[in-house]
Each structure stands twice: as structure tokens, then as C-alpha cells.
Amino acid sequence: IIPLLVRQRAIGAVVFEHRCPNDPADRAESLAAAATIAAGIIAMTTASQDHGRLAEKFADLLGQVKTTRDKLAEAKTLEGVAEMAAGASHELNNPLAVISGRTQLLMDIETDENKVQMLKQISARADEVSQIVHDLMAFARPAAANPVNIGIAEIVDSAVRQAEQEY
């Protein structure tokens, strides 16, 4: 029996049966060389498999980084759109209020029915635009926080569990 050693650590053994008549000293030397070569081959194969697993993990991590980067870019884009929507809504709201107010004043004093109908259409369209502005503001406004009561022990336990998983 000859151990298969890799970096002074046994990773297996080779069992030989004595059937050939030759010098025992030569035989031991030949068998030791064969065992060293076999151990090297096994070590290289194991290292190659480990390399493959590490390459797969690395590829997965790269995929996760790309996904995270894409999500971050999307979030920044949405944040920019929301900021633009808030600004546009604010800028549209002021002239829209003037249009609606003047339309109401004109409808109150107008006697010509055709002009009253036109003023009602203007008022209706202004209301539609006002609803669009309202929707834009709702999109730009962050969602309201939903506070929840939680015990300090639960928070500490959760932190400990997360630390155990990471470390």
C-alpha cells in the first residue's frame, strides 16, 4: 500500500499485489514514483473541477452585478422622471388655475348661449388637464410610510441572524 500525497496530505492510496519477481528496492522506488504521479493527476483533476465551480460562481456574480446595475439605472431613471413630473405639474398648475378661474368668471357674465357652451368646453378641458396634473403629482410624490410597532428584541434578533449568515 502506497499513500497518494498532495502537499503532505494523503488524498488516497494505491494497493499493489506482489506478482512479479524483481528487486524489492527497485519495486518500492517505482511504486512510490507511480503513486506520486497518480496523486498529482488526482490533484490536477480536483483543482480543475474547483476552477470550474469558481468560474460558474464568478459568472453568477457578474450576472447579479449586471442585474443590480440595471435595477439601479432604472431606479435613477424613474427618480428623474418623477422629479420632472413634479416640476412640470407645478409649472402647469399655475396657468391652469388662471384659465379655470377666468373661464368661470366669463361664464357667469356671458349671455350668448354659444359662447357659454364654448366656455363650458374650455372649463371641461381645463378640468381634464387638472386631473392629469394631479396624476403627475401623485406619481412624483413618494409613497407614504406605513409605520409599524416592533419590539427592540425582534430588531436585535434579526440583526444577529443576518450577522450569523454573513459571518
C-alpha atoms as a PDB file:
ATOM      1  CA  ILE A   1       0.000   0.000   0.000  1.00  0.00           C
ATOM      2  CA  ILE A   2       1.370   3.391  -1.023  1.00  0.00           C
ATOM      3  CA  PRO A   3      -0.331   6.647   0.025  1.00  0.00           C
ATOM      4  CA  LEU A   4      -1.215   9.289  -2.565  1.00  0.00           C
ATOM      5  CA  LEU A   5       0.149  12.519  -1.105  1.00  0.00           C
ATOM      6  CA  VAL A   6      -0.622  16.060  -2.226  1.00  0.00           C
ATOM      7  CA  ARG A   7       1.138  18.800  -0.250  1.00  0.00           C
ATOM      8  CA  GLN A   8       1.922  16.382   2.564  1.00  0.00           C
ATOM      9  CA  ARG A   9      -1.729  15.330   2.814  1.00  0.00           C
ATOM     10  CA  ALA A  10      -3.000  11.866   1.961  1.00  0.00           C
ATOM     11  CA  ILE A  11      -5.772  12.003  -0.613  1.00  0.00           C
ATOM     12  CA  GLY A  12      -5.914   8.293  -1.330  1.00  0.00           C
ATOM     13  CA  ALA A  13      -3.892   5.131  -1.531  1.00  0.00           C
ATOM     14  CA  VAL A  14      -2.786   2.623  -4.139  1.00  0.00           C
ATOM     15  CA  VAL A  15      -2.790  -1.061  -3.276  1.00  0.00           C
ATOM     16  CA  PHE A  16      -0.399  -3.255  -5.229  1.00  0.00           C
ATOM     17  CA  GLU A  17      -0.242  -7.024  -5.200  1.00  0.00           C
ATOM     18  CA  HIS A  18       3.193  -8.586  -5.443  1.00  0.00           C
ATOM     19  CA  ARG A  19       3.320 -10.893  -8.502  1.00  0.00           C
ATOM     20  CA  CYS A  20       6.488 -10.023 -10.313  1.00  0.00           C
ATOM     21  CA  PRO A  21       9.962 -11.224  -9.370  1.00  0.00           C
ATOM     22  CA  ASN A  22      12.228  -8.208  -9.211  1.00  0.00           C
ATOM     23  CA  ASP A  23      14.322  -6.383  -6.665  1.00  0.00           C
ATOM     24  CA  PRO A  24      12.199  -5.124  -3.729  1.00  0.00           C
ATOM     25  CA  ALA A  25      14.203  -1.873  -3.526  1.00  0.00           C
ATOM     26  CA  ASP A  26      13.560  -1.099  -7.234  1.00  0.00           C
ATOM     27  CA  ARG A  27       9.919  -2.052  -6.826  1.00  0.00           C
ATOM     28  CA  ALA A  28       9.406   0.312  -3.869  1.00  0.00           C
ATOM     29  CA  GLU A  29      11.048   3.177  -5.768  1.00  0.00           C
ATOM     30  CA  SER A  30       8.930   2.542  -8.898  1.00  0.00           C
ATOM     31  CA  LEU A  31       5.747   2.230  -6.891  1.00  0.00           C
ATOM     32  CA  ALA A  32       6.497   5.454  -4.984  1.00  0.00           C
ATOM     33  CA  ALA A  33       7.063   7.296  -8.293  1.00  0.00           C
ATOM     34  CA  ALA A  34       3.791   5.866  -9.679  1.00  0.00           C
ATOM     35  CA  ALA A  35       1.934   6.937  -6.529  1.00  0.00           C
ATOM     36  CA  THR A  36       3.389  10.467  -6.781  1.00  0.00           C
ATOM     37  CA  ILE A  37       2.295  10.740 -10.407  1.00  0.00           C
ATOM     38  CA  ALA A  38      -1.192   9.396  -9.584  1.00  0.00           C
ATOM     39  CA  ALA A  39      -1.530  11.858  -6.692  1.00  0.00           C
ATOM     40  CA  GLY A  40      -0.517  14.717  -8.996  1.00  0.00           C
ATOM     41  CA  ILE A  41      -3.093  13.686 -11.584  1.00  0.00           C
ATOM     42  CA  ILE A  42      -5.812  13.485  -8.941  1.00  0.00           C
ATOM     43  CA  ALA A  43      -4.787  16.876  -7.540  1.00  0.00           C
ATOM     44  CA  MET A  44      -4.867  18.475 -11.011  1.00  0.00           C
ATOM     45  CA  THR A  45      -8.298  16.983 -11.715  1.00  0.00           C
ATOM     46  CA  THR A  46      -9.633  18.225  -8.378  1.00  0.00           C
ATOM     47  CA  ALA A  47      -8.151  21.670  -8.998  1.00  0.00           C
ATOM     48  CA  SER A  48      -9.726  21.751 -12.449  1.00  0.00           C
ATOM     49  CA  GLN A  49     -13.129  20.895 -11.003  1.00  0.00           C
ATOM     50  CA  ASP A  50     -12.687  23.556  -8.310  1.00  0.00           C
ATOM     51  CA  HIS A  51     -11.704  26.039 -11.008  1.00  0.00           C
ATOM     52  CA  GLY A  52     -14.866  25.205 -12.956  1.00  0.00           C
ATOM     53  CA  ARG A  53     -17.052  25.711  -9.890  1.00  0.00           C
ATOM     54  CA  LEU A  54     -15.335  29.014  -9.128  1.00  0.00           C
ATOM     55  CA  ALA A  55     -15.761  30.141 -12.736  1.00  0.00           C
ATOM     56  CA  GLU A  56     -19.500  29.351 -12.521  1.00  0.00           C
ATOM     57  CA  LYS A  57     -19.789  31.290  -9.242  1.00  0.00           C
ATOM     58  CA  PHE A  58     -17.905  34.203 -10.796  1.00  0.00           C
ATOM     59  CA  ALA A  59     -20.244  34.202 -13.803  1.00  0.00           C
ATOM     60  CA  ASP A  60     -23.256  34.155 -11.465  1.00  0.00           C
ATOM     61  CA  LEU A  61     -21.831  37.085  -9.503  1.00  0.00           C
ATOM     62  CA  LEU A  62     -21.238  39.029 -12.708  1.00  0.00           C
ATOM     63  CA  GLY A  63     -24.856  38.373 -13.687  1.00  0.00           C
ATOM     64  CA  GLN A  64     -26.026  39.611 -10.296  1.00  0.00           C
ATOM     65  CA  VAL A  65     -23.897  42.747 -10.651  1.00  0.00           C
ATOM     66  CA  LYS A  66     -25.392  43.433 -14.080  1.00  0.00           C
ATOM     67  CA  THR A  67     -28.926  42.890 -12.785  1.00  0.00           C
ATOM     68  CA  THR A  68     -28.284  45.156  -9.810  1.00  0.00           C
ATOM     69  CA  ARG A  69     -26.739  47.806 -12.062  1.00  0.00           C
ATOM     70  CA  ASP A  70     -29.747  47.631 -14.394  1.00  0.00           C
ATOM     71  CA  LYS A  71     -32.156  47.970 -11.457  1.00  0.00           C
ATOM     72  CA  LEU A  72     -30.178  50.929 -10.124  1.00  0.00           C
ATOM     73  CA  ALA A  73     -30.205  52.624 -13.523  1.00  0.00           C
ATOM     74  CA  GLU A  74     -33.951  52.010 -13.793  1.00  0.00           C
ATOM     75  CA  ALA A  75     -34.500  53.449 -10.303  1.00  0.00           C
ATOM     76  CA  LYS A  76     -32.447  56.530 -11.159  1.00  0.00           C
ATOM     77  CA  THR A  77     -34.391  56.938 -14.395  1.00  0.00           C
ATOM     78  CA  LEU A  78     -37.708  56.661 -12.555  1.00  0.00           C
ATOM     79  CA  GLU A  79     -36.452  59.125  -9.954  1.00  0.00           C
ATOM     80  CA  GLY A  80     -35.560  61.561 -12.727  1.00  0.00           C
ATOM     81  CA  VAL A  81     -38.922  61.094 -14.414  1.00  0.00           C
ATOM     82  CA  ALA A  82     -40.700  61.658 -11.091  1.00  0.00           C
ATOM     83  CA  GLU A  83     -38.700  64.836 -10.478  1.00  0.00           C
ATOM     84  CA  MET A  84     -39.500  66.080 -13.979  1.00  0.00           C
ATOM     85  CA  ALA A  85     -43.195  65.220 -13.485  1.00  0.00           C
ATOM     86  CA  ALA A  86     -43.274  67.179 -10.229  1.00  0.00           C
ATOM     87  CA  GLY A  87     -41.665  70.203 -11.870  1.00  0.00           C
ATOM     88  CA  ALA A  88     -43.914  70.051 -14.922  1.00  0.00           C
ATOM     89  CA  SER A  89     -47.004  69.643 -12.738  1.00  0.00           C
ATOM     90  CA  HIS A  90     -46.089  72.661 -10.675  1.00  0.00           C
ATOM     91  CA  GLU A  91     -45.447  74.764 -13.796  1.00  0.00           C
ATOM     92  CA  LEU A  92     -48.726  73.655 -15.422  1.00  0.00           C
ATOM     93  CA  ASN A  93     -50.834  74.162 -12.305  1.00  0.00           C
ATOM     94  CA  ASN A  94     -50.407  77.967 -12.119  1.00  0.00           C
ATOM     95  CA  PRO A  95     -51.552  78.858 -15.675  1.00  0.00           C
ATOM     96  CA  LEU A  96     -54.257  76.197 -15.461  1.00  0.00           C
ATOM     97  CA  ALA A  97     -55.696  77.831 -12.330  1.00  0.00           C
ATOM     98  CA  VAL A  98     -55.807  81.171 -14.162  1.00  0.00           C
ATOM     99  CA  ILE A  99     -57.558  79.609 -17.178  1.00  0.00           C
ATOM    100  CA  SER A 100     -60.134  77.853 -14.984  1.00  0.00           C
ATOM    101  CA  GLY A 101     -60.794  80.960 -12.905  1.00  0.00           C
ATOM    102  CA  ARG A 102     -61.204  83.279 -15.894  1.00  0.00           C
ATOM    103  CA  THR A 103     -63.442  80.773 -17.634  1.00  0.00           C
ATOM    104  CA  GLN A 104     -65.737  80.664 -14.582  1.00  0.00           C
ATOM    105  CA  LEU A 105     -65.859  84.471 -14.446  1.00  0.00           C
ATOM    106  CA  LEU A 106     -66.698  84.711 -18.142  1.00  0.00           C
ATOM    107  CA  MET A 107     -69.419  82.044 -17.867  1.00  0.00           C
ATOM    108  CA  ASP A 108     -71.045  83.984 -15.031  1.00  0.00           C
ATOM    109  CA  ILE A 109     -71.409  87.165 -17.140  1.00  0.00           C
ATOM    110  CA  GLU A 110     -71.872  85.715 -20.653  1.00  0.00           C
ATOM    111  CA  THR A 111     -75.397  85.788 -22.084  1.00  0.00           C
ATOM    112  CA  ASP A 112     -74.731  84.339 -25.558  1.00  0.00           C
ATOM    113  CA  GLU A 113     -75.527  80.601 -25.331  1.00  0.00           C
ATOM    114  CA  ASN A 114     -72.925  79.618 -28.000  1.00  0.00           C
ATOM    115  CA  LYS A 115     -70.192  81.394 -26.055  1.00  0.00           C
ATOM    116  CA  VAL A 116     -71.381  79.799 -22.804  1.00  0.00           C
ATOM    117  CA  GLN A 117     -71.087  76.363 -24.479  1.00  0.00           C
ATOM    118  CA  MET A 118     -67.545  77.169 -25.626  1.00  0.00           C
ATOM    119  CA  LEU A 119     -66.633  78.348 -22.131  1.00  0.00           C
ATOM    120  CA  LYS A 120     -68.062  75.088 -20.690  1.00  0.00           C
ATOM    121  CA  GLN A 121     -65.862  73.121 -23.115  1.00  0.00           C
ATOM    122  CA  ILE A 122     -62.836  75.160 -22.046  1.00  0.00           C
ATOM    123  CA  SER A 123     -63.733  74.521 -18.400  1.00  0.00           C
ATOM    124  CA  ALA A 124     -64.165  70.764 -19.020  1.00  0.00           C
ATOM    125  CA  ARG A 125     -60.818  70.543 -20.830  1.00  0.00           C
ATOM    126  CA  ALA A 126     -59.163  72.517 -18.026  1.00  0.00           C
ATOM    127  CA  ASP A 127     -60.610  70.019 -15.528  1.00  0.00           C
ATOM    128  CA  GLU A 128     -59.184  67.140 -17.604  1.00  0.00           C
ATOM    129  CA  VAL A 129     -55.757  68.774 -17.654  1.00  0.00           C
ATOM    130  CA  SER A 130     -56.093  69.423 -13.906  1.00  0.00           C
ATOM    131  CA  GLN A 131     -56.681  65.692 -13.373  1.00  0.00           C
ATOM    132  CA  ILE A 132     -53.601  64.869 -15.455  1.00  0.00           C
ATOM    133  CA  VAL A 133     -51.562  67.319 -13.347  1.00  0.00           C
ATOM    134  CA  HIS A 134     -52.971  65.693 -10.209  1.00  0.00           C
ATOM    135  CA  ASP A 135     -51.951  62.237 -11.518  1.00  0.00           C
ATOM    136  CA  LEU A 136     -48.448  63.509 -12.311  1.00  0.00           C
ATOM    137  CA  MET A 137     -48.113  64.888  -8.804  1.00  0.00           C
ATOM    138  CA  ALA A 138     -49.289  61.564  -7.350  1.00  0.00           C
ATOM    139  CA  PHE A 139     -46.638  59.768  -9.445  1.00  0.00           C
ATOM    140  CA  ALA A 140     -43.896  62.158  -8.331  1.00  0.00           C
ATOM    141  CA  ARG A 141     -44.877  62.079  -4.661  1.00  0.00           C
ATOM    142  CA  PRO A 142     -43.225  59.197  -2.779  1.00  0.00           C
ATOM    143  CA  ALA A 143     -45.497  56.643  -1.171  1.00  0.00           C
ATOM    144  CA  ALA A 144     -46.470  57.427   2.404  1.00  0.00           C
ATOM    145  CA  ALA A 145     -44.628  55.481   5.077  1.00  0.00           C
ATOM    146  CA  ASN A 146     -46.567  52.779   6.855  1.00  0.00           C
ATOM    147  CA  PRO A 147     -45.218  52.795  10.426  1.00  0.00           C
ATOM    148  CA  VAL A 148     -45.367  49.539  12.370  1.00  0.00           C
ATOM    149  CA  ASN A 149     -44.732  48.881  16.070  1.00  0.00           C
ATOM    150  CA  ILE A 150     -41.916  46.410  16.620  1.00  0.00           C
ATOM    151  CA  GLY A 151     -40.079  45.332  19.739  1.00  0.00           C
ATOM    152  CA  ILE A 152     -36.383  46.054  20.179  1.00  0.00           C
ATOM    153  CA  ALA A 153     -35.703  42.369  20.909  1.00  0.00           C
ATOM    154  CA  GLU A 154     -37.046  41.435  17.476  1.00  0.00           C
ATOM    155  CA  ILE A 155     -34.773  44.004  15.805  1.00  0.00           C
ATOM    156  CA  VAL A 156     -31.713  42.741  17.709  1.00  0.00           C
ATOM    157  CA  ASP A 157     -32.572  39.089  16.932  1.00  0.00           C
ATOM    158  CA  SER A 158     -32.938  39.940  13.251  1.00  0.00           C
ATOM    159  CA  ALA A 159     -29.571  41.739  13.235  1.00  0.00           C
ATOM    160  CA  VAL A 160     -27.904  38.762  14.941  1.00  0.00           C
ATOM    161  CA  ARG A 161     -29.388  36.329  12.380  1.00  0.00           C
ATOM    162  CA  GLN A 162     -28.157  38.496   9.499  1.00  0.00           C
ATOM    163  CA  ALA A 163     -24.683  38.759  11.026  1.00  0.00           C
ATOM    164  CA  GLU A 164     -24.572  34.964  11.527  1.00  0.00           C
ATOM    165  CA  GLN A 165     -25.450  34.415   7.877  1.00  0.00           C
ATOM    166  CA  GLU A 166     -22.820  36.841   6.639  1.00  0.00           C
ATOM    167  CA  TYR A 167     -20.030  35.892   9.028  1.00  0.00           C
END
